[in-house]
Every structure is written in structure tokens, then in C-alpha cells.
N, C-alpha and C. Protein backbone atom coordinates (compact mmCIF):
# COMPACT_ATOMS: atom_id res chain seq x y z
N MET A 1 -133.65 83.43 -9.79
CA MET A 1 -134.54 82.31 -10.20
C MET A 1 -134.36 81.02 -9.31
N ALA A 2 -135.40 80.64 -9.11
CA ALA A 2 -135.62 79.41 -8.05
C ALA A 2 -134.40 78.18 -8.32
N ASN A 3 -134.84 77.64 -9.46
CA ASN A 3 -133.99 76.49 -9.89
C ASN A 3 -133.83 76.62 -11.27
N LEU A 4 -132.57 77.23 -11.80
CA LEU A 4 -132.11 77.65 -13.01
C LEU A 4 -132.15 76.43 -13.99
N GLU A 5 -131.41 75.41 -13.54
CA GLU A 5 -131.09 74.06 -14.33
C GLU A 5 -132.35 73.51 -14.65
N ALA A 6 -133.34 73.55 -13.65
CA ALA A 6 -134.57 72.75 -13.97
C ALA A 6 -135.52 73.67 -15.09
N THR A 7 -135.62 74.99 -14.88
CA THR A 7 -136.21 75.84 -15.85
C THR A 7 -135.70 75.98 -17.30
N PHE A 8 -134.26 75.77 -17.38
CA PHE A 8 -133.75 75.77 -18.88
C PHE A 8 -133.58 74.22 -19.31
N GLU A 9 -133.67 73.14 -18.40
CA GLU A 9 -133.87 71.79 -18.85
C GLU A 9 -135.09 71.66 -19.56
N VAL A 10 -136.18 72.29 -18.91
CA VAL A 10 -137.50 72.14 -19.73
C VAL A 10 -137.49 72.97 -20.91
N LEU A 11 -136.85 74.11 -21.07
CA LEU A 11 -136.97 74.77 -22.37
C LEU A 11 -135.93 73.86 -23.31
N GLU A 12 -134.87 73.39 -23.03
CA GLU A 12 -133.95 72.68 -23.76
C GLU A 12 -134.80 71.59 -24.07
N ASN A 13 -135.56 70.57 -23.50
CA ASN A 13 -136.35 69.41 -23.88
C ASN A 13 -137.36 70.00 -24.90
N ARG A 14 -137.84 71.07 -24.60
CA ARG A 14 -138.80 71.46 -25.57
C ARG A 14 -138.27 71.71 -27.11
N LEU A 15 -137.06 72.58 -27.09
CA LEU A 15 -136.33 72.62 -28.40
C LEU A 15 -135.99 71.39 -28.93
N MET A 16 -135.32 70.38 -28.08
CA MET A 16 -135.12 69.19 -28.64
C MET A 16 -136.16 68.16 -29.32
N ARG A 17 -137.30 68.44 -28.69
CA ARG A 17 -138.39 67.71 -29.12
C ARG A 17 -139.13 68.27 -30.50
N ALA A 18 -138.95 69.56 -30.47
CA ALA A 18 -139.27 70.30 -31.73
C ALA A 18 -138.38 69.96 -33.07
N TRP A 19 -137.36 69.64 -32.51
CA TRP A 19 -136.16 69.40 -33.59
C TRP A 19 -136.39 67.90 -34.15
N MET A 20 -136.83 67.12 -33.37
CA MET A 20 -137.09 65.77 -33.56
C MET A 20 -138.13 65.30 -34.23
N HIS A 21 -139.39 66.26 -33.73
CA HIS A 21 -140.64 66.09 -34.46
C HIS A 21 -140.70 66.93 -35.84
N ARG A 22 -139.48 67.74 -36.04
CA ARG A 22 -139.45 68.41 -37.24
C ARG A 22 -140.49 69.72 -37.23
N ASP A 23 -140.83 70.28 -36.10
CA ASP A 23 -141.78 71.44 -35.88
C ASP A 23 -141.33 72.73 -36.22
N PRO A 24 -141.33 73.27 -37.24
CA PRO A 24 -140.74 74.67 -37.42
C PRO A 24 -141.59 75.67 -36.61
N ARG A 25 -142.70 75.38 -36.33
CA ARG A 25 -143.45 76.57 -35.64
C ARG A 25 -142.90 76.53 -34.12
N GLU A 26 -142.67 75.45 -33.51
CA GLU A 26 -142.19 75.30 -32.18
C GLU A 26 -140.68 75.94 -32.10
N VAL A 27 -139.83 75.46 -33.02
CA VAL A 27 -138.59 75.95 -33.18
C VAL A 27 -138.47 77.45 -33.19
N LYS A 28 -139.32 78.17 -34.11
CA LYS A 28 -139.38 79.66 -34.18
C LYS A 28 -139.95 80.41 -32.88
N ALA A 29 -140.64 79.29 -31.93
CA ALA A 29 -141.21 79.81 -30.69
C ALA A 29 -140.10 79.86 -29.73
N THR A 30 -139.05 79.08 -29.83
CA THR A 30 -138.12 78.94 -28.93
C THR A 30 -136.68 79.58 -29.29
N VAL A 31 -136.52 79.67 -30.57
CA VAL A 31 -135.16 80.05 -30.98
C VAL A 31 -135.22 81.65 -31.61
N SER A 32 -134.26 82.60 -31.23
CA SER A 32 -134.26 84.03 -31.53
C SER A 32 -134.19 83.99 -33.06
N SER A 33 -134.61 84.99 -33.80
CA SER A 33 -134.62 85.06 -35.17
C SER A 33 -133.23 85.30 -35.54
N ASP A 34 -132.33 85.78 -34.75
CA ASP A 34 -130.84 85.98 -35.13
C ASP A 34 -129.82 85.03 -34.44
N ALA A 35 -130.52 84.02 -34.07
CA ALA A 35 -129.60 82.76 -33.48
C ALA A 35 -128.77 82.22 -34.59
N ILE A 36 -127.58 81.61 -34.03
CA ILE A 36 -126.82 80.99 -34.81
C ILE A 36 -126.31 79.62 -34.00
N PHE A 37 -126.39 78.40 -34.96
CA PHE A 37 -125.76 77.25 -34.60
C PHE A 37 -124.55 76.83 -35.08
N MET A 38 -123.49 76.57 -34.05
CA MET A 38 -122.24 76.34 -34.18
C MET A 38 -121.82 74.90 -34.12
N PHE A 39 -121.09 74.14 -35.22
CA PHE A 39 -120.81 72.89 -34.92
C PHE A 39 -119.43 72.81 -34.88
N GLY A 40 -118.77 71.90 -33.89
CA GLY A 40 -117.59 71.67 -33.76
C GLY A 40 -116.84 70.49 -34.62
N THR A 41 -117.08 70.76 -36.00
CA THR A 41 -116.58 69.95 -37.08
C THR A 41 -115.28 70.72 -37.22
N SER A 42 -114.54 70.04 -38.16
CA SER A 42 -113.30 70.20 -38.65
C SER A 42 -113.44 70.39 -40.24
N PRO A 43 -113.49 71.58 -40.65
CA PRO A 43 -113.66 72.90 -40.18
C PRO A 43 -114.97 73.18 -39.46
N PRO A 44 -114.87 74.13 -38.35
CA PRO A 44 -116.12 74.51 -37.96
C PRO A 44 -117.33 74.97 -38.87
N ALA A 45 -118.49 74.85 -38.58
CA ALA A 45 -119.47 75.11 -39.50
C ALA A 45 -120.84 75.82 -38.68
N LEU A 46 -121.51 76.61 -39.47
CA LEU A 46 -122.36 77.63 -38.73
C LEU A 46 -123.75 77.29 -39.78
N LEU A 47 -124.93 77.56 -39.09
CA LEU A 47 -126.21 77.52 -39.56
C LEU A 47 -127.14 78.64 -38.81
N ASP A 48 -127.59 79.59 -39.60
CA ASP A 48 -128.71 80.29 -39.13
C ASP A 48 -129.90 79.96 -38.49
N ARG A 49 -130.64 80.37 -38.05
CA ARG A 49 -132.07 80.13 -37.75
C ARG A 49 -132.91 79.42 -38.98
N ALA A 50 -132.84 80.16 -39.77
CA ALA A 50 -133.73 79.79 -40.93
C ALA A 50 -132.84 78.54 -41.88
N SER A 51 -131.62 78.43 -41.75
CA SER A 51 -131.14 77.13 -42.49
C SER A 51 -131.23 75.97 -41.62
N PHE A 52 -131.47 76.31 -40.26
CA PHE A 52 -131.42 75.14 -39.23
C PHE A 52 -132.87 74.50 -39.60
N ILE A 53 -133.97 75.42 -39.53
CA ILE A 53 -135.20 75.17 -39.82
C ILE A 53 -135.40 74.13 -40.99
N ALA A 54 -134.64 74.58 -42.18
CA ALA A 54 -134.79 73.96 -43.57
C ALA A 54 -134.23 72.61 -43.32
N SER A 55 -133.11 72.55 -42.78
CA SER A 55 -132.21 71.40 -42.68
C SER A 55 -132.95 70.40 -41.89
N MET A 56 -133.80 70.70 -40.92
CA MET A 56 -134.52 69.75 -40.24
C MET A 56 -135.65 69.06 -41.05
N GLN A 57 -136.05 69.65 -42.18
CA GLN A 57 -137.00 69.15 -43.19
C GLN A 57 -136.22 68.33 -44.33
N ASP A 58 -134.94 68.78 -44.57
CA ASP A 58 -134.25 68.12 -45.69
C ASP A 58 -132.81 67.38 -45.14
N GLY A 59 -133.08 66.68 -44.29
CA GLY A 59 -131.83 65.73 -44.06
C GLY A 59 -131.00 65.85 -42.67
N PHE A 60 -131.24 66.81 -41.91
CA PHE A 60 -130.63 66.92 -40.42
C PHE A 60 -131.58 66.39 -39.42
N ARG A 61 -131.74 65.26 -39.21
CA ARG A 61 -132.83 64.75 -38.29
C ARG A 61 -132.10 64.45 -36.96
N LEU A 62 -132.95 64.54 -35.87
CA LEU A 62 -132.45 64.12 -34.50
C LEU A 62 -133.47 62.84 -34.24
N HIS A 63 -132.90 61.95 -33.86
CA HIS A 63 -133.61 60.69 -33.65
C HIS A 63 -133.79 60.59 -32.07
N GLY A 64 -132.95 61.09 -31.44
CA GLY A 64 -133.10 60.85 -29.95
C GLY A 64 -131.84 61.65 -29.34
N PHE A 65 -132.19 61.92 -27.70
CA PHE A 65 -131.27 62.74 -27.15
C PHE A 65 -131.49 62.30 -25.62
N ARG A 66 -130.33 62.57 -24.83
CA ARG A 66 -130.42 62.29 -23.43
C ARG A 66 -129.44 63.28 -22.84
N PHE A 67 -129.71 63.97 -21.79
CA PHE A 67 -128.94 65.25 -21.37
C PHE A 67 -128.17 64.46 -20.06
N HIS A 68 -127.01 65.06 -19.92
CA HIS A 68 -126.36 64.38 -18.48
C HIS A 68 -125.46 65.85 -18.12
N GLU A 69 -125.10 65.69 -16.75
CA GLU A 69 -124.38 66.92 -16.00
C GLU A 69 -124.60 68.11 -16.43
N LEU A 70 -125.83 68.67 -16.47
CA LEU A 70 -126.12 69.92 -17.01
C LEU A 70 -126.04 71.08 -16.06
N THR A 71 -125.65 72.07 -16.46
CA THR A 71 -125.46 73.40 -15.55
C THR A 71 -125.99 74.45 -16.29
N ALA A 72 -126.47 75.51 -15.62
CA ALA A 72 -126.88 76.68 -16.13
C ALA A 72 -126.51 77.79 -15.20
N ARG A 73 -126.12 79.02 -15.76
CA ARG A 73 -125.29 80.13 -15.26
C ARG A 73 -126.02 81.37 -15.74
N LYS A 74 -126.43 82.14 -14.81
CA LYS A 74 -127.33 83.53 -15.14
C LYS A 74 -125.79 84.39 -15.42
N TYR A 75 -126.12 85.27 -16.65
CA TYR A 75 -125.13 85.98 -16.96
C TYR A 75 -125.86 87.42 -17.58
N GLY A 76 -126.18 88.29 -16.72
CA GLY A 76 -127.20 89.68 -17.26
C GLY A 76 -128.45 89.07 -17.37
N ARG A 77 -128.89 89.68 -18.52
CA ARG A 77 -130.26 89.17 -19.02
C ARG A 77 -130.12 87.63 -19.82
N CYS A 78 -128.93 87.08 -19.80
CA CYS A 78 -128.62 85.73 -20.42
C CYS A 78 -128.43 84.68 -19.44
N VAL A 79 -128.63 83.38 -19.97
CA VAL A 79 -128.28 82.27 -19.13
C VAL A 79 -127.49 81.44 -20.02
N TRP A 80 -126.24 80.91 -19.68
CA TRP A 80 -125.49 79.83 -20.24
C TRP A 80 -125.98 78.32 -19.70
N PHE A 81 -126.46 77.76 -20.72
CA PHE A 81 -126.64 76.23 -20.38
C PHE A 81 -125.85 75.20 -20.95
N SER A 82 -125.15 74.47 -20.31
CA SER A 82 -124.16 73.44 -20.92
C SER A 82 -124.46 71.99 -20.44
N GLY A 83 -123.95 71.12 -20.93
CA GLY A 83 -123.74 69.67 -20.43
C GLY A 83 -123.51 68.70 -21.59
N GLN A 84 -123.41 67.63 -21.16
CA GLN A 84 -123.27 66.55 -22.11
C GLN A 84 -124.59 65.99 -22.69
N ALA A 85 -124.36 65.68 -23.79
CA ALA A 85 -125.79 65.00 -24.71
C ALA A 85 -125.65 63.79 -25.43
N GLU A 86 -126.10 63.15 -25.12
CA GLU A 86 -125.95 61.85 -26.27
C GLU A 86 -127.13 61.97 -27.20
N LEU A 87 -126.78 62.29 -28.33
CA LEU A 87 -127.44 62.56 -29.41
C LEU A 87 -127.30 61.33 -30.57
N GLU A 88 -128.35 61.06 -31.39
CA GLU A 88 -128.51 60.47 -32.31
C GLU A 88 -129.23 61.18 -33.55
N MET A 89 -128.11 61.39 -34.36
CA MET A 89 -128.57 62.36 -35.68
C MET A 89 -128.43 61.74 -36.97
N THR A 90 -129.03 62.07 -37.82
CA THR A 90 -128.78 61.74 -39.45
C THR A 90 -128.55 63.08 -40.10
N LEU A 91 -127.49 63.04 -40.74
CA LEU A 91 -126.90 64.38 -41.59
C LEU A 91 -126.51 64.06 -42.89
N GLY A 92 -127.38 64.27 -43.82
CA GLY A 92 -126.87 63.73 -45.21
C GLY A 92 -126.80 62.32 -45.43
N GLY A 93 -127.75 61.58 -44.78
CA GLY A 93 -127.83 60.09 -44.72
C GLY A 93 -126.80 59.43 -44.08
N VAL A 94 -126.22 60.22 -43.18
CA VAL A 94 -124.89 59.44 -42.60
C VAL A 94 -125.29 59.72 -41.08
N ASP A 95 -125.07 58.62 -40.19
CA ASP A 95 -125.54 58.65 -38.95
C ASP A 95 -124.42 59.27 -38.01
N TRP A 96 -124.75 60.16 -37.12
CA TRP A 96 -124.01 61.13 -36.33
C TRP A 96 -124.27 60.76 -34.77
N LYS A 97 -123.46 59.77 -34.32
CA LYS A 97 -124.03 59.44 -32.91
C LYS A 97 -123.13 59.54 -31.84
N GLY A 98 -123.42 59.72 -30.69
CA GLY A 98 -122.14 59.60 -29.49
C GLY A 98 -122.69 60.97 -28.46
N ASN A 99 -121.50 61.11 -27.90
CA ASN A 99 -121.78 62.08 -26.89
C ASN A 99 -121.23 63.42 -27.32
N PHE A 100 -121.83 64.52 -26.88
CA PHE A 100 -121.49 65.84 -27.44
C PHE A 100 -121.59 66.85 -26.35
N LEU A 101 -120.69 67.70 -26.40
CA LEU A 101 -120.80 68.95 -25.40
C LEU A 101 -121.88 69.89 -26.01
N LEU A 102 -122.85 70.22 -25.43
CA LEU A 102 -123.84 71.13 -25.95
C LEU A 102 -123.80 72.56 -24.85
N THR A 103 -123.40 73.52 -25.67
CA THR A 103 -123.46 74.72 -24.73
C THR A 103 -124.48 75.69 -25.52
N ASP A 104 -125.48 76.31 -24.85
CA ASP A 104 -126.62 77.23 -25.31
C ASP A 104 -126.43 78.41 -24.52
N LEU A 105 -126.68 79.72 -25.36
CA LEU A 105 -126.99 80.56 -24.67
C LEU A 105 -128.48 81.26 -24.89
N TRP A 106 -129.22 81.49 -23.72
CA TRP A 106 -130.26 81.96 -23.79
C TRP A 106 -130.62 83.25 -23.50
N ARG A 107 -131.33 84.11 -24.25
CA ARG A 107 -131.47 85.66 -23.73
C ARG A 107 -133.09 85.88 -23.60
N LYS A 108 -133.27 86.64 -22.64
CA LYS A 108 -134.52 87.24 -22.13
C LYS A 108 -135.02 88.20 -23.06
N GLY A 109 -136.05 88.23 -23.79
CA GLY A 109 -136.69 89.28 -24.60
C GLY A 109 -136.89 90.57 -23.80
N ILE A 110 -137.00 91.69 -24.51
CA ILE A 110 -137.32 92.95 -23.76
C ILE A 110 -138.62 93.02 -23.71
N VAL A 111 -139.39 93.00 -25.04
CA VAL A 111 -140.80 93.13 -25.15
C VAL A 111 -141.47 91.93 -24.60
N ARG A 112 -141.30 90.61 -25.08
CA ARG A 112 -142.20 89.57 -24.78
C ARG A 112 -141.58 88.91 -23.52
N ARG A 113 -140.51 89.27 -22.89
CA ARG A 113 -139.99 88.94 -21.39
C ARG A 113 -140.04 87.21 -21.48
N SER A 114 -139.66 86.70 -22.62
CA SER A 114 -139.60 85.30 -22.82
C SER A 114 -138.33 84.85 -23.12
N TRP A 115 -137.88 83.57 -22.75
CA TRP A 115 -136.45 83.27 -23.10
C TRP A 115 -136.47 82.76 -24.62
N ALA A 116 -135.51 82.98 -25.22
CA ALA A 116 -135.22 82.38 -26.56
C ALA A 116 -133.61 82.04 -26.55
N LEU A 117 -133.41 80.98 -27.47
CA LEU A 117 -132.03 80.59 -27.64
C LEU A 117 -131.43 81.80 -28.75
N ALA A 118 -130.34 82.08 -28.20
CA ALA A 118 -129.53 82.84 -29.18
C ALA A 118 -128.28 82.16 -29.77
N GLU A 119 -127.69 81.27 -29.13
CA GLU A 119 -126.51 80.59 -29.79
C GLU A 119 -126.54 79.22 -29.41
N ARG A 120 -126.16 78.30 -30.07
CA ARG A 120 -125.99 76.92 -29.58
C ARG A 120 -124.75 76.41 -30.26
N SER A 121 -123.90 75.78 -29.42
CA SER A 121 -122.63 75.06 -30.04
C SER A 121 -122.66 73.53 -29.67
N ILE A 122 -122.47 72.75 -30.61
CA ILE A 122 -122.45 71.14 -30.53
C ILE A 122 -121.23 70.69 -31.04
N ALA A 123 -120.53 69.89 -30.04
CA ALA A 123 -119.15 69.49 -30.54
C ALA A 123 -119.03 68.15 -29.88
N PRO A 124 -118.43 67.32 -30.65
CA PRO A 124 -118.22 66.04 -30.18
C PRO A 124 -117.37 65.94 -28.97
N ALA A 125 -117.83 64.98 -28.05
CA ALA A 125 -117.06 65.12 -26.45
C ALA A 125 -115.75 64.30 -26.82
N GLU A 126 -114.65 64.73 -26.17
CA GLU A 126 -113.75 64.08 -25.88
C GLU A 126 -113.63 62.67 -25.36
N GLY A 127 -113.21 61.58 -25.91
CA GLY A 127 -113.48 60.08 -25.51
C GLY A 127 -112.46 59.93 -24.44
N ASP A 128 -111.07 60.60 -24.38
CA ASP A 128 -110.07 60.23 -23.64
C ASP A 128 -110.10 61.09 -22.39
N LYS A 129 -110.28 60.41 -21.41
CA LYS A 129 -110.43 61.09 -19.88
C LYS A 129 -109.05 61.55 -19.58
N ARG A 130 -107.81 61.61 -20.28
CA ARG A 130 -106.71 62.07 -19.59
C ARG A 130 -106.68 63.52 -19.63
N LEU A 131 -107.27 64.11 -20.66
CA LEU A 131 -107.39 65.64 -20.59
C LEU A 131 -108.40 66.07 -19.67
N SER A 132 -109.47 65.86 -19.63
CA SER A 132 -110.28 66.17 -18.26
C SER A 132 -109.96 66.04 -17.14
N ASP A 133 -109.16 64.77 -16.83
CA ASP A 133 -108.59 64.47 -15.68
C ASP A 133 -107.35 65.43 -15.31
N ALA A 134 -106.72 65.87 -16.08
CA ALA A 134 -105.51 66.79 -15.99
C ALA A 134 -106.12 68.09 -15.88
N ILE A 135 -107.00 68.59 -16.28
CA ILE A 135 -107.71 69.84 -16.06
C ILE A 135 -108.26 70.01 -14.71
N ARG A 136 -109.12 68.93 -14.45
CA ARG A 136 -109.76 68.87 -13.13
C ARG A 136 -108.62 69.03 -11.76
N ALA A 137 -107.37 68.50 -12.24
CA ALA A 137 -106.38 68.43 -11.26
C ALA A 137 -105.90 69.96 -11.07
N MET A 138 -106.10 70.78 -12.11
CA MET A 138 -105.61 72.20 -11.89
C MET A 138 -106.51 73.12 -11.34
N GLN A 139 -107.79 72.53 -11.00
CA GLN A 139 -108.91 73.43 -10.19
C GLN A 139 -108.72 73.59 -9.02
N LEU A 140 -108.61 75.07 -8.49
CA LEU A 140 -108.07 75.20 -7.44
C LEU A 140 -108.91 74.92 -6.16
N TRP A 141 -110.39 74.78 -6.42
CA TRP A 141 -111.45 74.50 -5.35
C TRP A 141 -111.15 72.96 -4.86
N HIS A 142 -110.58 72.02 -5.34
CA HIS A 142 -110.41 70.77 -4.81
C HIS A 142 -109.40 70.57 -3.81
């Protein structure tokens, strides 16, 4: 693939706009029927595709998003897409805003040969840079 990040940034934007506009048809077009959405809450919570689509109409609203530091990595018939995302959401009438780590697994279909989201994880990003700085210090390639 020529430019993996650019290709998947387009798909990610398409999915996020579908969520923001509460468009179930577009979500179904980009999300696999067996997909799961994992949320880094305490305790962790899961939604399947049908639950996610229903929640978009009934209180889980995305009002805005912006991606930062995106990466995409091919792994067999799949691509891991991850990065920081500034998200503005409302869940059950409560605002949920800030920086989040977004990790998506995209899988290429065998029959239709198109990419579909198979798994999404969203977790609040750690605000304390001491942990990320300590981990970066351990990287052997620096």
C-alpha cells in the first residue's frame, strides 16, 4: 500500500463523521458485523456493532474530533491504526471530553475486498508525561 496512514485516515474520518451525524447506514458500511467497541473505563465496557449503532441514536453522541500522531501498520489481512484523538462526546447526558488513545483493527473482507473496522478501543490518554517519558527512555532505537 502506497501510503497506509493516509488511506486509513480517510476511513477513520468517514467512520467518525458517520458517528457524528448519527448515520447508521454509513456505520454499517464501514464496521464489520462482528465488530466490538472496547472502552477504557473502570471497569472496562464493551459494545457490539448493533449496540453502538443504537447508542448513537440514544445518547452516545460525538460532537467533534481531531486526530494527532497517527500510525498504521499492516499485519496480514489486517491493519492496526492508532493515535491520539481529541474527542468531544456526550454519554447519558454527561460530557466526556479530552485526549484519548484510539486503536482500531481494520480487516480486509474476502468477498467484497473492502476494509471494515473489526475492533475499536478508546481509552482516556494519560495526562502525566512522566510515564511516557520513562517508556521512551527504554526504547533501544534512540
